[in-house]
Amino acid sequence: MAADEPVPLYPVNLRLSGRRCLLVGGGRRALGPVGDLLAVGARVDVVAPQVLDEIAVLDGVSVQRRPYRHHDVVGYRLVVTATADPEVNRRVVADGDEAGVLVASLDDPETGTATLPAVVRRGSIVVTVGTNGPDDAFTRWMQRWYEGELGAEYEDLRAVLSEVRDEMVARGVATDVSGWQFALDSGMLELIRAGRTADAKERLRKCLSSSSV
């Protein structure tokens, strides 16, 4: 890999419900990350000399109004640094690297060991958009595009697939058949959009049955 090439990212989704996460910084920059962490059930500790009241009053947030200290990162599943001081942000990343803790640096994502992509949620469907650098404008634009594209019908479609898969498992029928993709390309989404969920489900069953013989 050439020296000027971006380091490729390995995408992964973290289960943070009930897990301790550290947020270094308590200003406006920290509002987005603290909301996102709380939304997935994380327990968030905030460390900063000054913390916005709208952050401090949030359920699930513990606040320590003081400067960041070496080894503050130890014991956390994820650390996000969102201060206005580049030196502090670099120290947090270095300490996390030493402690084996993932650290996302909002203002300098290329220095951290994790990045925070833009997220779109539709029920259990999670779509993320990220880049190798601080391309906030592009990722937010892509986020808005997905928000407009992914309607509630996609979650309904996913629920239909899950229900039929459970039926097959209960009957002891193999689910690793080739008909899933064919069924998804056969107009199931359009049927659901038209309110014909039962028809979409029946079409899925027929496609799976045909591919298993």
N, C-alpha and C. Protein backbone atom coordinates (compact mmCIF):
# COMPACT_ATOMS: atom_id res chain seq x y z
N MET A 1 0.84 -1.20 0.00
CA MET A 1 0.00 0.00 0.00
C MET A 1 0.87 1.25 0.00
N ALA A 2 0.59 2.16 -0.93
CA ALA A 2 1.36 3.39 -1.02
C ALA A 2 1.13 4.25 0.21
N ALA A 3 2.14 5.09 0.54
CA ALA A 3 2.07 5.90 1.75
C ALA A 3 0.91 6.89 1.72
N ASP A 4 0.53 7.34 0.49
CA ASP A 4 -0.53 8.35 0.40
C ASP A 4 -1.91 7.73 0.23
N GLU A 5 -2.00 6.39 0.22
CA GLU A 5 -3.29 5.73 0.09
C GLU A 5 -4.00 5.67 1.44
N PRO A 6 -5.32 5.86 1.47
CA PRO A 6 -6.05 5.78 2.74
C PRO A 6 -6.03 4.36 3.29
N VAL A 7 -5.99 4.26 4.61
CA VAL A 7 -6.01 2.95 5.25
C VAL A 7 -7.42 2.38 5.13
N PRO A 8 -7.57 1.18 4.58
CA PRO A 8 -8.93 0.62 4.43
C PRO A 8 -9.57 0.34 5.78
N LEU A 9 -10.88 0.51 5.84
CA LEU A 9 -11.63 0.30 7.08
C LEU A 9 -12.26 -1.09 7.09
N TYR A 10 -12.35 -1.68 8.27
CA TYR A 10 -13.05 -2.94 8.44
C TYR A 10 -14.36 -2.65 9.15
N PRO A 11 -15.51 -2.74 8.46
CA PRO A 11 -16.78 -2.38 9.10
C PRO A 11 -17.24 -3.42 10.11
N VAL A 12 -17.79 -2.95 11.21
CA VAL A 12 -18.32 -3.83 12.25
C VAL A 12 -19.38 -3.08 13.03
N ASN A 13 -20.41 -3.79 13.49
CA ASN A 13 -21.43 -3.19 14.35
C ASN A 13 -21.22 -3.68 15.78
N LEU A 14 -21.23 -2.77 16.73
CA LEU A 14 -20.97 -3.11 18.14
C LEU A 14 -22.28 -3.23 18.91
N ARG A 15 -22.35 -4.23 19.78
CA ARG A 15 -23.46 -4.33 20.73
C ARG A 15 -23.01 -3.64 22.02
N LEU A 16 -23.58 -2.47 22.28
CA LEU A 16 -23.14 -1.66 23.41
C LEU A 16 -24.19 -1.55 24.51
N SER A 17 -25.28 -2.25 24.40
CA SER A 17 -26.31 -2.17 25.43
C SER A 17 -25.76 -2.62 26.78
N GLY A 18 -25.85 -1.73 27.78
CA GLY A 18 -25.35 -2.02 29.10
C GLY A 18 -23.84 -1.90 29.24
N ARG A 19 -23.14 -1.59 28.17
CA ARG A 19 -21.68 -1.47 28.21
C ARG A 19 -21.26 -0.04 28.53
N ARG A 20 -20.12 0.09 29.19
CA ARG A 20 -19.60 1.40 29.55
C ARG A 20 -18.83 1.99 28.39
N CYS A 21 -19.19 3.22 28.02
CA CYS A 21 -18.50 3.96 26.98
C CYS A 21 -18.08 5.32 27.55
N LEU A 22 -16.95 5.81 27.09
CA LEU A 22 -16.43 7.09 27.56
C LEU A 22 -16.52 8.13 26.46
N LEU A 23 -17.02 9.29 26.82
CA LEU A 23 -17.07 10.43 25.91
C LEU A 23 -16.21 11.54 26.51
N VAL A 24 -15.13 11.88 25.84
CA VAL A 24 -14.25 12.95 26.30
C VAL A 24 -14.65 14.23 25.57
N GLY A 25 -15.18 15.18 26.32
CA GLY A 25 -15.71 16.40 25.73
C GLY A 25 -17.17 16.55 26.07
N GLY A 26 -17.58 17.76 26.39
CA GLY A 26 -18.96 17.97 26.80
C GLY A 26 -19.63 19.14 26.13
N GLY A 27 -19.10 19.55 24.96
CA GLY A 27 -19.67 20.68 24.25
C GLY A 27 -20.64 20.25 23.16
N ARG A 28 -20.92 21.17 22.24
CA ARG A 28 -21.88 20.90 21.16
C ARG A 28 -21.46 19.71 20.31
N ARG A 29 -20.16 19.56 20.13
CA ARG A 29 -19.64 18.46 19.30
C ARG A 29 -20.01 17.11 19.89
N ALA A 30 -20.22 17.08 21.20
CA ALA A 30 -20.49 15.81 21.88
C ALA A 30 -21.96 15.41 21.85
N LEU A 31 -22.84 16.33 21.45
CA LEU A 31 -24.28 16.05 21.49
C LEU A 31 -24.67 14.86 20.61
N GLY A 32 -24.14 14.82 19.39
CA GLY A 32 -24.47 13.72 18.49
C GLY A 32 -24.03 12.37 19.01
N PRO A 33 -22.75 12.21 19.38
CA PRO A 33 -22.29 10.92 19.89
C PRO A 33 -23.00 10.46 21.15
N VAL A 34 -23.27 11.36 22.09
CA VAL A 34 -23.92 10.92 23.32
C VAL A 34 -25.34 10.44 23.02
N GLY A 35 -26.03 11.11 22.12
CA GLY A 35 -27.37 10.65 21.75
C GLY A 35 -27.35 9.31 21.06
N ASP A 36 -26.38 9.11 20.17
CA ASP A 36 -26.28 7.84 19.45
C ASP A 36 -25.94 6.69 20.39
N LEU A 37 -25.06 6.94 21.35
CA LEU A 37 -24.68 5.89 22.30
C LEU A 37 -25.85 5.52 23.21
N LEU A 38 -26.56 6.52 23.69
CA LEU A 38 -27.72 6.25 24.54
C LEU A 38 -28.81 5.51 23.77
N ALA A 39 -28.93 5.80 22.48
CA ALA A 39 -29.98 5.17 21.67
C ALA A 39 -29.79 3.66 21.55
N VAL A 40 -28.55 3.19 21.70
CA VAL A 40 -28.30 1.75 21.63
C VAL A 40 -28.10 1.13 23.01
N GLY A 41 -28.42 1.90 24.07
CA GLY A 41 -28.40 1.35 25.42
C GLY A 41 -27.09 1.41 26.14
N ALA A 42 -26.12 2.16 25.62
CA ALA A 42 -24.83 2.25 26.29
C ALA A 42 -24.91 3.08 27.57
N ARG A 43 -24.02 2.79 28.51
CA ARG A 43 -23.86 3.62 29.71
C ARG A 43 -22.71 4.57 29.44
N VAL A 44 -22.98 5.87 29.45
CA VAL A 44 -22.01 6.85 28.98
C VAL A 44 -21.45 7.67 30.13
N ASP A 45 -20.13 7.65 30.26
CA ASP A 45 -19.42 8.53 31.19
C ASP A 45 -18.84 9.69 30.38
N VAL A 46 -19.11 10.90 30.81
CA VAL A 46 -18.61 12.09 30.12
C VAL A 46 -17.56 12.76 31.00
N VAL A 47 -16.38 13.01 30.42
CA VAL A 47 -15.29 13.68 31.13
C VAL A 47 -14.94 14.95 30.36
N ALA A 48 -15.05 16.10 31.02
CA ALA A 48 -14.70 17.38 30.42
C ALA A 48 -14.77 18.46 31.49
N PRO A 49 -13.93 19.49 31.39
CA PRO A 49 -14.00 20.57 32.38
C PRO A 49 -15.36 21.26 32.37
N GLN A 50 -15.97 21.39 31.21
CA GLN A 50 -17.29 22.01 31.09
C GLN A 50 -18.20 21.09 30.29
N VAL A 51 -19.40 20.85 30.81
CA VAL A 51 -20.34 19.95 30.16
C VAL A 51 -21.68 20.67 30.01
N LEU A 52 -22.23 20.64 28.82
CA LEU A 52 -23.53 21.27 28.59
C LEU A 52 -24.59 20.66 29.50
N ASP A 53 -25.48 21.50 30.00
CA ASP A 53 -26.55 21.00 30.87
C ASP A 53 -27.42 19.99 30.13
N GLU A 54 -27.64 20.19 28.83
CA GLU A 54 -28.49 19.27 28.08
C GLU A 54 -27.86 17.89 27.93
N ILE A 55 -26.56 17.79 28.14
CA ILE A 55 -25.90 16.48 28.19
C ILE A 55 -25.96 15.91 29.59
N ALA A 56 -25.67 16.75 30.57
CA ALA A 56 -25.58 16.28 31.96
C ALA A 56 -26.90 15.72 32.49
N VAL A 57 -28.03 16.21 32.00
CA VAL A 57 -29.32 15.78 32.53
C VAL A 57 -29.86 14.52 31.87
N LEU A 58 -29.17 14.01 30.87
CA LEU A 58 -29.66 12.84 30.15
C LEU A 58 -29.60 11.58 31.00
N ASP A 59 -30.64 10.77 30.95
CA ASP A 59 -30.63 9.48 31.63
C ASP A 59 -29.58 8.59 30.98
N GLY A 60 -28.82 7.91 31.83
CA GLY A 60 -27.78 7.02 31.32
C GLY A 60 -26.43 7.68 31.20
N VAL A 61 -26.34 8.98 31.57
CA VAL A 61 -25.09 9.72 31.47
C VAL A 61 -24.55 10.05 32.86
N SER A 62 -23.27 9.77 33.06
CA SER A 62 -22.57 10.15 34.29
C SER A 62 -21.50 11.17 33.92
N VAL A 63 -21.43 12.28 34.67
CA VAL A 63 -20.56 13.40 34.31
C VAL A 63 -19.47 13.60 35.35
N GLN A 64 -18.24 13.77 34.85
CA GLN A 64 -17.12 14.19 35.70
C GLN A 64 -16.56 15.48 35.09
N ARG A 65 -16.78 16.59 35.78
CA ARG A 65 -16.32 17.88 35.27
C ARG A 65 -14.87 18.11 35.69
N ARG A 66 -13.99 17.66 34.85
CA ARG A 66 -12.55 17.78 35.09
C ARG A 66 -11.80 17.53 33.78
N PRO A 67 -10.51 17.87 33.72
CA PRO A 67 -9.73 17.57 32.51
C PRO A 67 -9.54 16.06 32.35
N TYR A 68 -9.30 15.66 31.13
CA TYR A 68 -9.00 14.26 30.83
C TYR A 68 -7.67 13.88 31.47
N ARG A 69 -7.61 12.65 31.99
CA ARG A 69 -6.39 12.13 32.62
C ARG A 69 -5.91 10.87 31.91
N HIS A 70 -4.61 10.66 31.97
CA HIS A 70 -4.02 9.45 31.42
C HIS A 70 -4.67 8.23 32.07
N HIS A 71 -4.96 7.23 31.29
CA HIS A 71 -5.60 5.97 31.71
C HIS A 71 -7.09 6.10 31.99
N ASP A 72 -7.70 7.26 31.71
CA ASP A 72 -9.15 7.36 31.84
C ASP A 72 -9.85 6.35 30.92
N VAL A 73 -9.19 5.96 29.84
CA VAL A 73 -9.82 5.09 28.84
C VAL A 73 -9.93 3.64 29.29
N VAL A 74 -9.18 3.26 30.31
CA VAL A 74 -9.10 1.85 30.70
C VAL A 74 -10.47 1.35 31.17
N GLY A 75 -10.86 0.18 30.68
CA GLY A 75 -12.08 -0.46 31.15
C GLY A 75 -13.31 -0.17 30.31
N TYR A 76 -13.16 0.64 29.27
CA TYR A 76 -14.31 0.99 28.44
C TYR A 76 -14.37 0.14 27.18
N ARG A 77 -15.58 -0.10 26.70
CA ARG A 77 -15.74 -0.83 25.45
C ARG A 77 -15.45 0.06 24.24
N LEU A 78 -15.83 1.35 24.34
CA LEU A 78 -15.59 2.30 23.26
C LEU A 78 -15.37 3.67 23.86
N VAL A 79 -14.46 4.43 23.26
CA VAL A 79 -14.19 5.80 23.69
C VAL A 79 -14.37 6.72 22.49
N VAL A 80 -15.03 7.84 22.72
CA VAL A 80 -15.18 8.88 21.70
C VAL A 80 -14.59 10.16 22.25
N THR A 81 -13.67 10.76 21.51
CA THR A 81 -13.12 12.03 21.94
C THR A 81 -13.65 13.13 21.02
N ALA A 82 -14.23 14.15 21.65
CA ALA A 82 -14.93 15.22 20.91
C ALA A 82 -14.61 16.57 21.52
N THR A 83 -13.35 16.81 21.82
CA THR A 83 -12.97 18.09 22.40
C THR A 83 -12.52 19.04 21.30
N ALA A 84 -12.36 20.31 21.65
CA ALA A 84 -11.88 21.31 20.71
C ALA A 84 -10.35 21.42 20.75
N ASP A 85 -9.71 20.57 21.55
CA ASP A 85 -8.26 20.62 21.73
C ASP A 85 -7.62 19.43 21.00
N PRO A 86 -6.95 19.65 19.87
CA PRO A 86 -6.34 18.54 19.13
C PRO A 86 -5.35 17.73 19.95
N GLU A 87 -4.64 18.39 20.86
CA GLU A 87 -3.66 17.67 21.68
C GLU A 87 -4.35 16.68 22.61
N VAL A 88 -5.45 17.11 23.23
CA VAL A 88 -6.21 16.20 24.09
C VAL A 88 -6.73 15.02 23.28
N ASN A 89 -7.26 15.30 22.11
CA ASN A 89 -7.79 14.23 21.26
C ASN A 89 -6.69 13.22 20.91
N ARG A 90 -5.50 13.71 20.60
CA ARG A 90 -4.40 12.81 20.26
C ARG A 90 -3.99 11.98 21.47
N ARG A 91 -4.01 12.59 22.66
CA ARG A 91 -3.65 11.84 23.87
C ARG A 91 -4.65 10.72 24.13
N VAL A 92 -5.93 11.01 23.93
CA VAL A 92 -6.97 10.00 24.16
C VAL A 92 -6.76 8.82 23.20
N VAL A 93 -6.48 9.12 21.93
CA VAL A 93 -6.25 8.06 20.94
C VAL A 93 -5.03 7.23 21.34
N ALA A 94 -3.94 7.90 21.73
CA ALA A 94 -2.73 7.18 22.11
C ALA A 94 -2.96 6.31 23.35
N ASP A 95 -3.68 6.84 24.33
CA ASP A 95 -3.96 6.06 25.54
C ASP A 95 -4.84 4.86 25.22
N GLY A 96 -5.81 5.05 24.32
CA GLY A 96 -6.67 3.94 23.94
C GLY A 96 -5.90 2.86 23.22
N ASP A 97 -4.99 3.26 22.35
CA ASP A 97 -4.17 2.30 21.63
C ASP A 97 -3.33 1.49 22.61
N GLU A 98 -2.79 2.17 23.61
CA GLU A 98 -1.97 1.50 24.62
C GLU A 98 -2.80 0.52 25.46
N ALA A 99 -4.06 0.90 25.74
CA ALA A 99 -4.91 0.07 26.59
C ALA A 99 -5.71 -0.97 25.81
N GLY A 100 -5.61 -0.95 24.49
CA GLY A 100 -6.38 -1.89 23.68
C GLY A 100 -7.86 -1.56 23.63
N VAL A 101 -8.19 -0.26 23.67
CA VAL A 101 -9.57 0.20 23.64
C VAL A 101 -9.81 0.97 22.35
N LEU A 102 -10.93 0.69 21.68
CA LEU A 102 -11.26 1.41 20.47
C LEU A 102 -11.56 2.88 20.78
N VAL A 103 -10.97 3.78 19.99
CA VAL A 103 -11.19 5.21 20.17
C VAL A 103 -11.56 5.84 18.84
N ALA A 104 -12.65 6.60 18.84
CA ALA A 104 -13.06 7.38 17.67
C ALA A 104 -12.82 8.85 17.97
N SER A 105 -12.06 9.51 17.10
CA SER A 105 -11.79 10.94 17.25
C SER A 105 -12.61 11.70 16.23
N LEU A 106 -13.58 12.49 16.69
CA LEU A 106 -14.50 13.15 15.77
C LEU A 106 -13.82 14.13 14.83
N ASP A 107 -12.92 14.93 15.34
CA ASP A 107 -12.30 15.97 14.53
C ASP A 107 -11.12 15.47 13.72
N ASP A 108 -10.60 14.30 14.04
CA ASP A 108 -9.46 13.74 13.30
C ASP A 108 -9.64 12.23 13.20
N PRO A 109 -10.64 11.78 12.43
CA PRO A 109 -10.98 10.36 12.41
C PRO A 109 -9.85 9.47 11.92
N GLU A 110 -8.94 10.01 11.12
CA GLU A 110 -7.86 9.17 10.59
C GLU A 110 -6.87 8.75 11.67
N THR A 111 -6.85 9.46 12.81
CA THR A 111 -5.90 9.10 13.87
C THR A 111 -6.46 8.05 14.82
N GLY A 112 -7.77 7.90 14.85
CA GLY A 112 -8.38 6.97 15.80
C GLY A 112 -8.33 5.54 15.30
N THR A 113 -8.73 4.61 16.17
CA THR A 113 -8.79 3.19 15.81
C THR A 113 -10.21 2.78 15.44
N ALA A 114 -11.15 3.72 15.48
CA ALA A 114 -12.53 3.47 15.06
C ALA A 114 -13.07 4.76 14.47
N THR A 115 -14.09 4.64 13.64
CA THR A 115 -14.78 5.81 13.11
C THR A 115 -16.27 5.68 13.41
N LEU A 116 -16.96 6.81 13.40
CA LEU A 116 -18.39 6.82 13.66
C LEU A 116 -19.12 7.18 12.36
N PRO A 117 -19.68 6.20 11.68
CA PRO A 117 -20.36 6.48 10.41
C PRO A 117 -21.70 7.15 10.62
N ALA A 118 -22.23 7.73 9.57
CA ALA A 118 -23.61 8.21 9.59
C ALA A 118 -24.53 7.00 9.58
N VAL A 119 -25.65 7.08 10.33
CA VAL A 119 -26.51 5.91 10.53
C VAL A 119 -27.95 6.23 10.14
N VAL A 120 -28.58 5.26 9.49
CA VAL A 120 -30.01 5.31 9.19
C VAL A 120 -30.62 4.03 9.76
N ARG A 121 -31.69 4.17 10.57
CA ARG A 121 -32.34 3.03 11.18
C ARG A 121 -33.79 2.94 10.73
N ARG A 122 -34.19 1.74 10.37
CA ARG A 122 -35.59 1.44 10.08
C ARG A 122 -35.92 0.15 10.82
N GLY A 123 -36.43 0.29 12.04
CA GLY A 123 -36.66 -0.89 12.86
C GLY A 123 -35.34 -1.59 13.14
N SER A 124 -35.25 -2.86 12.76
CA SER A 124 -34.01 -3.62 12.99
C SER A 124 -33.00 -3.46 11.86
N ILE A 125 -33.36 -2.70 10.83
CA ILE A 125 -32.44 -2.47 9.72
C ILE A 125 -31.53 -1.30 10.06
N VAL A 126 -30.23 -1.51 9.91
CA VAL A 126 -29.25 -0.46 10.18
C VAL A 126 -28.37 -0.29 8.94
N VAL A 127 -28.35 0.92 8.40
CA VAL A 127 -27.50 1.23 7.25
C VAL A 127 -26.52 2.31 7.70
N THR A 128 -25.24 2.07 7.45
CA THR A 128 -24.21 3.05 7.83
C THR A 128 -23.45 3.51 6.60
N VAL A 129 -23.00 4.77 6.66
CA VAL A 129 -22.22 5.35 5.58
C VAL A 129 -20.98 5.98 6.18
N GLY A 130 -19.83 5.56 5.69
CA GLY A 130 -18.58 6.12 6.21
C GLY A 130 -17.54 6.19 5.11
N THR A 131 -16.49 6.96 5.37
CA THR A 131 -15.37 7.06 4.44
C THR A 131 -14.08 6.92 5.23
N ASN A 132 -12.96 7.00 4.53
CA ASN A 132 -11.67 6.90 5.20
C ASN A 132 -11.21 8.22 5.79
N GLY A 133 -11.98 9.28 5.60
CA GLY A 133 -11.54 10.59 6.08
C GLY A 133 -12.68 11.40 6.64
N PRO A 134 -12.42 12.65 6.98
CA PRO A 134 -13.44 13.53 7.58
C PRO A 134 -14.36 14.14 6.54
N ASP A 135 -15.10 13.27 5.81
CA ASP A 135 -15.99 13.75 4.75
C ASP A 135 -17.41 13.91 5.28
N ASP A 136 -17.60 14.79 6.25
CA ASP A 136 -18.90 14.94 6.88
C ASP A 136 -19.99 15.32 5.88
N ALA A 137 -19.68 16.23 4.97
CA ALA A 137 -20.70 16.69 4.02
C ALA A 137 -21.19 15.53 3.16
N PHE A 138 -20.26 14.71 2.68
CA PHE A 138 -20.65 13.59 1.82
C PHE A 138 -21.44 12.54 2.59
N THR A 139 -20.96 12.16 3.78
CA THR A 139 -21.65 11.12 4.53
C THR A 139 -23.03 11.57 4.97
N ARG A 140 -23.17 12.83 5.34
CA ARG A 140 -24.49 13.34 5.73
C ARG A 140 -25.44 13.38 4.54
N TRP A 141 -24.90 13.72 3.36
CA TRP A 141 -25.72 13.71 2.15
C TRP A 141 -26.21 12.30 1.85
N MET A 142 -25.30 11.32 1.95
CA MET A 142 -25.69 9.94 1.72
C MET A 142 -26.70 9.47 2.78
N GLN A 143 -26.52 9.92 4.01
CA GLN A 143 -27.46 9.57 5.07
C GLN A 143 -28.86 10.07 4.73
N ARG A 144 -28.97 11.31 4.28
CA ARG A 144 -30.28 11.87 3.92
C ARG A 144 -30.89 11.10 2.75
N TRP A 145 -30.05 10.66 1.80
CA TRP A 145 -30.56 9.90 0.66
C TRP A 145 -31.17 8.59 1.13
N TYR A 146 -30.48 7.88 2.00
CA TYR A 146 -31.00 6.61 2.51
C TYR A 146 -32.26 6.83 3.36
N GLU A 147 -32.28 7.93 4.11
CA GLU A 147 -33.47 8.21 4.91
C GLU A 147 -34.71 8.39 4.01
N GLY A 148 -34.50 8.99 2.85
CA GLY A 148 -35.61 9.16 1.94
C GLY A 148 -35.95 7.90 1.17
N GLU A 149 -34.97 7.06 0.96
CA GLU A 149 -35.17 5.84 0.16
C GLU A 149 -35.76 4.69 0.97
N LEU A 150 -35.31 4.55 2.20
CA LEU A 150 -35.71 3.41 3.02
C LEU A 150 -36.98 3.73 3.80
N GLY A 151 -38.11 3.35 3.25
CA GLY A 151 -39.37 3.55 3.95
C GLY A 151 -39.67 2.40 4.90
N ALA A 152 -40.80 2.50 5.59
CA ALA A 152 -41.19 1.46 6.55
C ALA A 152 -41.43 0.12 5.89
N GLU A 153 -41.70 0.13 4.57
CA GLU A 153 -41.98 -1.12 3.87
C GLU A 153 -40.77 -2.06 3.86
N TYR A 154 -39.56 -1.51 3.98
CA TYR A 154 -38.37 -2.37 4.01
C TYR A 154 -38.32 -3.19 5.29
N GLU A 155 -38.71 -2.59 6.39
CA GLU A 155 -38.77 -3.34 7.64
C GLU A 155 -39.89 -4.38 7.57
N ASP A 156 -41.01 -4.04 6.94
CA ASP A 156 -42.08 -5.02 6.75
C ASP A 156 -41.59 -6.19 5.90
N LEU A 157 -40.82 -5.89 4.86
CA LEU A 157 -40.27 -6.95 4.01
C LEU A 157 -39.34 -7.85 4.81
N ARG A 158 -38.47 -7.24 5.59
CA ARG A 158 -37.56 -8.04 6.42
C ARG A 158 -38.33 -8.92 7.39
N ALA A 159 -39.43 -8.39 7.96
CA ALA A 159 -40.24 -9.16 8.90
C ALA A 159 -40.90 -10.36 8.21
N VAL A 160 -41.33 -10.18 6.95
CA VAL A 160 -41.92 -11.29 6.20
C VAL A 160 -40.89 -12.39 6.00
N LEU A 161 -39.69 -12.02 5.60
CA LEU A 161 -38.63 -13.02 5.41
C LEU A 161 -38.32 -13.75 6.70
N SER A 162 -38.26 -13.01 7.80
CA SER A 162 -37.96 -13.63 9.09
C SER A 162 -39.07 -14.60 9.50
N GLU A 163 -40.32 -14.20 9.28
CA GLU A 163 -41.44 -15.06 9.66
C GLU A 163 -41.44 -16.36 8.87
N VAL A 164 -41.22 -16.27 7.57
CA VAL A 164 -41.22 -17.47 6.73
C VAL A 164 -40.01 -18.35 7.06
N ARG A 165 -38.88 -17.74 7.34
CA ARG A 165 -37.70 -18.53 7.74
C ARG A 165 -37.99 -19.30 9.03
N ASP A 166 -38.64 -18.64 10.00
CA ASP A 166 -38.99 -19.31 11.25
C ASP A 166 -39.95 -20.48 11.00
N GLU A 167 -40.89 -20.30 10.08
CA GLU A 167 -41.81 -21.38 9.73
C GLU A 167 -41.03 -22.59 9.21
N MET A 168 -40.05 -22.33 8.35
CA MET A 168 -39.26 -23.40 7.76
C MET A 168 -38.44 -24.13 8.83
N VAL A 169 -37.87 -23.38 9.74
CA VAL A 169 -37.08 -23.98 10.81
C VAL A 169 -37.98 -24.85 11.68
N ALA A 170 -39.19 -24.36 12.00
CA ALA A 170 -40.12 -25.12 12.84
C ALA A 170 -40.53 -26.43 12.18
N ARG A 171 -40.59 -26.44 10.84
CA ARG A 171 -40.98 -27.65 10.12
C ARG A 171 -39.79 -28.56 9.81
N GLY A 172 -38.59 -28.10 10.19
CA GLY A 172 -37.41 -28.88 9.91
C GLY A 172 -36.99 -28.83 8.46
N VAL A 173 -37.40 -27.75 7.76
CA VAL A 173 -37.06 -27.59 6.34
C VAL A 173 -35.79 -26.75 6.22
N ALA A 174 -34.91 -27.15 5.32
CA ALA A 174 -33.65 -26.42 5.13
C ALA A 174 -33.94 -25.00 4.65
N THR A 175 -33.24 -24.04 5.22
CA THR A 175 -33.43 -22.64 4.83
C THR A 175 -32.36 -22.14 3.87
N ASP A 176 -31.33 -22.95 3.63
CA ASP A 176 -30.24 -22.52 2.76
C ASP A 176 -30.54 -22.85 1.29
N VAL A 177 -31.72 -22.44 0.84
CA VAL A 177 -32.12 -22.67 -0.54
C VAL A 177 -31.84 -21.42 -1.36
N SER A 178 -31.90 -21.58 -2.67
CA SER A 178 -31.48 -20.48 -3.55
C SER A 178 -32.59 -19.49 -3.87
N GLY A 179 -33.80 -19.73 -3.39
CA GLY A 179 -34.93 -18.90 -3.80
C GLY A 179 -35.06 -17.56 -3.13
N TRP A 180 -34.29 -17.29 -2.09
CA TRP A 180 -34.46 -16.03 -1.34
C TRP A 180 -34.23 -14.82 -2.23
N GLN A 181 -33.11 -14.80 -2.94
CA GLN A 181 -32.80 -13.64 -3.78
C GLN A 181 -33.79 -13.52 -4.94
N PHE A 182 -34.18 -14.66 -5.52
CA PHE A 182 -35.17 -14.62 -6.59
C PHE A 182 -36.48 -14.03 -6.09
N ALA A 183 -36.88 -14.44 -4.89
CA ALA A 183 -38.13 -13.92 -4.32
C ALA A 183 -38.05 -12.42 -4.08
N LEU A 184 -36.92 -11.96 -3.56
CA LEU A 184 -36.76 -10.53 -3.29
C LEU A 184 -36.78 -9.71 -4.57
N ASP A 185 -36.35 -10.31 -5.68
CA ASP A 185 -36.36 -9.61 -6.97
C ASP A 185 -37.67 -9.79 -7.73
N SER A 186 -38.64 -10.48 -7.12
CA SER A 186 -39.85 -10.84 -7.84
C SER A 186 -41.01 -9.87 -7.62
N GLY A 187 -40.76 -8.74 -6.97
CA GLY A 187 -41.82 -7.76 -6.76
C GLY A 187 -42.45 -7.82 -5.38
N MET A 188 -41.82 -8.50 -4.42
CA MET A 188 -42.37 -8.57 -3.06
C MET A 188 -42.50 -7.19 -2.44
N LEU A 189 -41.51 -6.35 -2.66
CA LEU A 189 -41.54 -5.01 -2.05
C LEU A 189 -42.71 -4.20 -2.58
N GLU A 190 -42.98 -4.32 -3.87
CA GLU A 190 -44.10 -3.59 -4.46
C GLU A 190 -45.43 -4.09 -3.90
N LEU A 191 -45.53 -5.40 -3.66
CA LEU A 191 -46.75 -5.94 -3.07
C LEU A 191 -46.97 -5.38 -1.66
N ILE A 192 -45.91 -5.30 -0.89
CA ILE A 192 -46.01 -4.77 0.47
C ILE A 192 -46.38 -3.30 0.44
N ARG A 193 -45.79 -2.55 -0.48
CA ARG A 193 -46.13 -1.14 -0.61
C ARG A 193 -47.62 -0.95 -0.94
N ALA A 194 -48.18 -1.93 -1.66
CA ALA A 194 -49.59 -1.86 -2.03
C ALA A 194 -50.51 -2.42 -0.95
N GLY A 195 -49.93 -2.77 0.20
CA GLY A 195 -50.73 -3.30 1.30
C GLY A 195 -51.06 -4.78 1.16
N ARG A 196 -50.41 -5.47 0.24
CA ARG A 196 -50.69 -6.88 -0.02
C ARG A 196 -49.61 -7.77 0.61
N THR A 197 -49.45 -7.63 1.92
CA THR A 197 -48.40 -8.37 2.63
C THR A 197 -48.63 -9.87 2.55
N ALA A 198 -49.88 -10.31 2.66
CA ALA A 198 -50.17 -11.74 2.58
C ALA A 198 -49.76 -12.30 1.22
N ASP A 199 -49.99 -11.54 0.15
CA ASP A 199 -49.59 -11.99 -1.18
C ASP A 199 -48.07 -12.07 -1.30
N ALA A 200 -47.40 -11.10 -0.71
CA ALA A 200 -45.93 -11.11 -0.73
C ALA A 200 -45.40 -12.34 0.00
N LYS A 201 -46.02 -12.67 1.11
CA LYS A 201 -45.60 -13.84 1.88
C LYS A 201 -45.81 -15.13 1.09
N GLU A 202 -46.94 -15.21 0.41
CA GLU A 202 -47.24 -16.41 -0.38
C GLU A 202 -46.27 -16.53 -1.56
N ARG A 203 -45.93 -15.39 -2.17
CA ARG A 203 -44.97 -15.42 -3.27
C ARG A 203 -43.62 -15.92 -2.78
N LEU A 204 -43.21 -15.48 -1.60
CA LEU A 204 -41.94 -15.93 -1.03
C LEU A 204 -41.97 -17.44 -0.80
N ARG A 205 -43.05 -17.95 -0.24
CA ARG A 205 -43.15 -19.40 0.00
C ARG A 205 -43.03 -20.19 -1.30
N LYS A 206 -43.69 -19.71 -2.35
CA LYS A 206 -43.65 -20.41 -3.63
C LYS A 206 -42.24 -20.40 -4.22
N CYS A 207 -41.56 -19.26 -4.13
CA CYS A 207 -40.20 -19.18 -4.67
C CYS A 207 -39.26 -20.12 -3.92
N LEU A 208 -39.40 -20.18 -2.61
CA LEU A 208 -38.54 -21.05 -1.81
C LEU A 208 -38.86 -22.52 -2.08
N SER A 209 -40.16 -22.82 -2.22
CA SER A 209 -40.56 -24.20 -2.51
C SER A 209 -40.04 -24.66 -3.85
N SER A 210 -40.09 -23.77 -4.85
CA SER A 210 -39.63 -24.14 -6.18
C SER A 210 -38.13 -24.36 -6.20
N SER A 211 -37.39 -23.59 -5.40
CA SER A 211 -35.93 -23.69 -5.43
C SER A 211 -35.41 -24.88 -4.63
N SER A 212 -36.26 -25.49 -3.82
CA SER A 212 -35.82 -26.59 -2.96
C SER A 212 -36.05 -27.95 -3.58
N VAL A 213 -36.71 -28.00 -4.75
CA VAL A 213 -36.99 -29.28 -5.41
C VAL A 213 -35.93 -29.57 -6.46
